[in-house]
Amino acid sequence: MGITERREREKEEVRSKILDAARELFAAEGYEKVTMRRIAEAIEYSPTTIYLHFEDKDDLVRALCNADFGRLLDAIEHAPMPVDPIEAIRQLGRAYVAFALEHPNQYRFMFMAPVGREEEHEKGSPGELSFAHLLSAVQRAVAAGRFRPIDPVTAAQVLWMNVHGVAAALITLPPSCWPHSPAAPDLVDQVIDNALRGLAVEKA
């Protein structure tokens, strides 16, 4: 490995350290309270080092969102995608919750931290592309007569809210805090199936 390659790798390692520290601090202390200096202290670097990688806190947040939604998009695109649109929606829901369980800190920052970041849903962004996979499956389900004639965007939002709710609960509540007993092993599938039944065409 040459000097240039080694410097680039070291630069990326520092950048990753900054993003990881920022994510954890935002989740633990709140976005408003965390300063660039606080992030620098957490990884034992000078604030100047942080500014070599990010223009300001907003720039850091944009990079963090892009990285985390990129991981979610990768998880979704690697999920098995059946031709049947209902099965595709089911697999997307499972992949989504699996991502949240595997990366709880990232998920909390992406969906549960009060940070303004409209760019995550801009056309072509990882966040927009992630939702587009679900929307596409919903559009196919409507076109095939598997779902009631409903606005596909609204239907996709309904399905997303269902899996988001169960994902947020699973990464936030310890087993002892669930009502009566811990979450059922097939809870995720039950939530997805219930949402699908609510949108499905009623059988005569």
Protein backbone atom coordinates (compact mmCIF):
# COMPACT_ATOMS: atom_id res chain seq x y z
CA MET A 1 0.00 0.00 0.00
CA GLY A 2 1.40 3.38 -1.05
CA ILE A 3 1.54 6.56 1.03
CA THR A 4 -1.48 8.11 -0.72
CA GLU A 5 -3.63 5.00 -0.19
CA ARG A 6 -2.60 4.78 3.46
CA ARG A 7 -3.47 8.43 4.07
CA GLU A 8 -6.87 7.98 2.44
CA ARG A 9 -7.57 4.95 4.60
CA GLU A 10 -6.54 6.81 7.75
CA LYS A 11 -8.74 9.74 6.72
CA GLU A 12 -11.74 7.43 6.28
CA GLU A 13 -11.05 5.79 9.64
CA VAL A 14 -11.09 9.18 11.40
CA ARG A 15 -14.25 10.16 9.53
CA SER A 16 -15.95 6.94 10.63
CA LYS A 17 -14.90 7.56 14.24
CA ILE A 18 -16.43 11.03 14.11
CA LEU A 19 -19.71 9.74 12.66
CA ASP A 20 -19.98 6.89 15.17
CA ALA A 21 -19.31 9.22 18.10
CA ALA A 22 -21.80 11.80 16.82
CA ARG A 23 -24.51 9.19 16.36
CA GLU A 24 -24.11 7.88 19.91
CA LEU A 25 -24.00 11.36 21.41
CA PHE A 26 -27.07 12.55 19.50
CA ALA A 27 -28.97 9.49 20.75
CA ALA A 28 -27.78 9.84 24.35
CA GLU A 29 -27.74 13.61 24.87
CA GLY A 30 -29.96 15.05 22.15
CA TYR A 31 -29.01 16.78 18.93
CA GLU A 32 -29.33 20.32 20.27
CA LYS A 33 -26.98 19.74 23.22
CA VAL A 34 -24.17 18.09 21.27
CA THR A 35 -21.54 20.45 19.90
CA MET A 36 -18.67 19.77 17.53
CA ARG A 37 -16.34 20.27 20.49
CA ARG A 38 -18.24 17.62 22.47
CA ILE A 39 -17.84 15.16 19.59
CA ALA A 40 -14.13 15.93 19.40
CA GLU A 41 -13.74 15.31 23.13
CA ALA A 42 -15.50 11.95 22.85
CA ILE A 43 -12.91 10.62 20.41
CA GLU A 44 -10.00 12.59 21.93
CA TYR A 45 -9.36 14.75 18.88
CA SER A 46 -9.19 18.52 18.58
CA PRO A 47 -12.25 20.37 17.21
CA THR A 48 -10.03 21.45 14.32
CA THR A 49 -9.78 17.81 13.22
CA ILE A 50 -13.57 17.56 13.08
CA TYR A 51 -13.77 20.64 10.87
CA LEU A 52 -11.24 19.13 8.47
CA HIS A 53 -13.88 16.50 7.68
CA PHE A 54 -17.17 18.41 8.12
CA GLU A 55 -18.00 22.05 7.49
CA ASP A 56 -20.38 22.26 10.46
CA LYS A 57 -22.84 20.16 12.47
CA ASP A 58 -25.45 20.24 9.71
CA ASP A 59 -22.88 18.88 7.26
CA LEU A 60 -22.03 16.12 9.73
CA VAL A 61 -25.72 15.22 10.12
CA ARG A 62 -26.16 15.04 6.34
CA ALA A 63 -23.21 12.68 6.08
CA LEU A 64 -24.50 10.59 8.97
CA CYS A 65 -27.96 10.28 7.43
CA ASN A 66 -26.52 9.39 4.05
CA ALA A 67 -24.32 6.68 5.57
CA ASP A 68 -27.07 5.15 7.73
CA PHE A 69 -29.77 5.23 5.07
CA GLY A 70 -27.21 3.76 2.71
CA ARG A 71 -26.87 0.79 5.07
CA LEU A 72 -30.64 0.41 5.19
CA LEU A 73 -30.87 0.53 1.39
CA ASP A 74 -28.15 -2.11 1.14
CA ALA A 75 -30.03 -4.38 3.58
CA ILE A 76 -33.26 -3.96 1.60
CA GLU A 77 -31.62 -4.59 -1.76
CA HIS A 78 -30.02 -7.79 -0.46
CA ALA A 79 -33.32 -9.15 0.85
CA PRO A 80 -34.97 -11.91 -1.22
CA MET A 81 -37.51 -10.27 -3.50
CA PRO A 82 -40.30 -12.61 -4.65
CA VAL A 83 -42.24 -11.84 -7.82
CA ASP A 84 -45.49 -11.93 -5.84
CA PRO A 85 -46.00 -8.35 -4.55
CA ILE A 86 -47.51 -9.42 -1.22
CA GLU A 87 -44.58 -11.70 -0.49
CA ALA A 88 -42.22 -8.93 -1.59
CA ILE A 89 -43.81 -6.55 0.94
CA ARG A 90 -43.49 -9.20 3.64
CA GLN A 91 -39.78 -9.69 2.89
CA LEU A 92 -39.16 -5.93 2.83
CA GLY A 93 -40.80 -5.60 6.26
CA ARG A 94 -38.68 -8.39 7.68
CA ALA A 95 -35.50 -6.87 6.25
CA TYR A 96 -36.41 -3.46 7.64
CA VAL A 97 -36.95 -4.72 11.19
CA ALA A 98 -33.85 -6.92 10.99
CA PHE A 99 -31.83 -3.82 10.11
CA ALA A 100 -33.22 -1.96 13.13
CA LEU A 101 -32.39 -4.84 15.47
CA GLU A 102 -28.88 -5.20 14.06
CA HIS A 103 -28.15 -1.45 14.08
CA PRO A 104 -30.23 0.03 16.94
CA ASN A 105 -28.12 3.18 17.36
CA GLN A 106 -28.31 3.96 13.67
CA TYR A 107 -32.06 3.32 13.64
CA ARG A 108 -32.68 5.58 16.63
CA PHE A 109 -30.80 8.40 14.95
CA MET A 110 -32.49 7.88 11.57
CA PHE A 111 -36.08 7.74 12.81
CA MET A 112 -36.26 8.65 16.48
CA ALA A 113 -33.97 11.67 16.90
CA PRO A 114 -35.56 15.14 16.57
CA VAL A 115 -33.22 16.35 13.85
CA GLY A 116 -34.36 18.30 10.81
CA ARG A 117 -32.98 16.56 7.71
CA GLU A 118 -35.32 16.91 4.75
CA GLU A 119 -32.57 15.88 2.32
CA GLU A 120 -32.84 12.23 3.37
CA HIS A 121 -36.02 11.97 1.26
CA GLU A 122 -34.77 13.90 -1.76
CA LYS A 123 -35.09 12.07 -5.07
CA GLY A 124 -32.24 9.62 -5.52
CA SER A 125 -31.17 9.69 -1.87
CA PRO A 126 -30.75 6.37 -0.01
CA GLY A 127 -33.79 7.16 2.13
CA GLU A 128 -35.99 7.87 -0.87
CA LEU A 129 -34.73 4.77 -2.69
CA SER A 130 -35.43 2.59 0.35
CA PHE A 131 -39.05 3.72 0.46
CA ALA A 132 -39.30 3.38 -3.33
CA HIS A 133 -38.81 -0.39 -3.03
CA LEU A 134 -41.86 -0.64 -0.76
CA LEU A 135 -43.88 1.76 -2.91
CA SER A 136 -43.12 -0.28 -6.03
CA ALA A 137 -44.35 -3.49 -4.39
CA VAL A 138 -47.52 -1.72 -3.22
CA GLN A 139 -48.18 -0.34 -6.70
CA ARG A 140 -47.89 -3.86 -8.12
CA ALA A 141 -50.27 -5.21 -5.46
CA VAL A 142 -52.85 -2.54 -6.32
CA ALA A 143 -52.44 -3.10 -10.06
CA ALA A 144 -52.86 -6.87 -9.61
CA GLY A 145 -56.07 -6.40 -7.64
CA ARG A 146 -54.52 -7.81 -4.48
CA PHE A 147 -55.04 -4.55 -2.56
CA ARG A 148 -58.15 -2.43 -2.40
CA PRO A 149 -58.12 0.59 -4.77
CA ILE A 150 -56.13 2.85 -2.47
CA ASP A 151 -53.53 5.52 -3.07
CA PRO A 152 -50.25 3.53 -3.24
CA VAL A 153 -48.26 6.18 -1.38
CA THR A 154 -50.73 6.20 1.51
CA ALA A 155 -50.78 2.38 1.58
CA ALA A 156 -46.97 2.29 1.62
CA GLN A 157 -46.92 4.79 4.47
CA VAL A 158 -49.40 2.65 6.42
CA LEU A 159 -47.22 -0.43 5.96
CA TRP A 160 -44.09 1.48 6.90
CA MET A 161 -45.69 2.85 10.08
CA ASN A 162 -46.55 -0.70 11.15
CA VAL A 163 -43.01 -2.04 10.80
CA HIS A 164 -41.54 1.17 12.21
CA GLY A 165 -43.70 0.81 15.30
CA VAL A 166 -42.65 -2.75 16.02
CA ALA A 167 -38.99 -2.00 15.22
CA ALA A 168 -38.95 1.01 17.57
CA ALA A 169 -40.59 -1.00 20.36
CA LEU A 170 -38.22 -3.95 19.99
CA ILE A 171 -35.08 -1.81 20.22
CA THR A 172 -36.43 0.45 22.97
CA LEU A 173 -38.30 -1.76 25.44
CA PRO A 174 -36.55 -4.48 27.43
CA PRO A 175 -38.44 -7.82 27.60
CA SER A 176 -39.61 -7.08 31.14
CA CYS A 177 -41.42 -3.91 29.99
CA TRP A 178 -43.70 -5.58 27.46
CA PRO A 179 -47.32 -5.92 28.64
CA HIS A 180 -47.91 -9.24 30.44
CA SER A 181 -45.02 -11.05 28.72
CA PRO A 182 -42.08 -10.46 26.36
CA ALA A 183 -42.71 -9.97 22.65
CA ALA A 184 -43.87 -13.08 20.81
CA PRO A 185 -41.18 -14.70 18.62
CA ASP A 186 -43.33 -14.16 15.54
CA LEU A 187 -44.48 -10.66 16.50
CA VAL A 188 -42.91 -9.03 13.43
CA ASP A 189 -44.67 -11.42 11.07
CA GLN A 190 -47.96 -10.92 12.90
CA VAL A 191 -47.67 -7.14 12.59
CA ILE A 192 -46.88 -7.37 8.88
CA ASP A 193 -49.69 -9.87 8.21
CA ASN A 194 -52.19 -7.73 10.09
CA ALA A 195 -51.25 -4.67 8.04
CA LEU A 196 -51.52 -6.65 4.81
CA ARG A 197 -54.98 -7.94 5.76
CA GLY A 198 -56.13 -4.38 6.33
CA LEU A 199 -55.25 -3.44 2.75
CA ALA A 200 -56.21 -6.68 1.01
CA VAL A 201 -59.26 -7.07 -1.20
CA GLU A 202 -62.05 -8.75 0.77
CA LYS A 203 -62.85 -12.22 -0.47
CA ALA A 204 -66.45 -12.79 -1.56
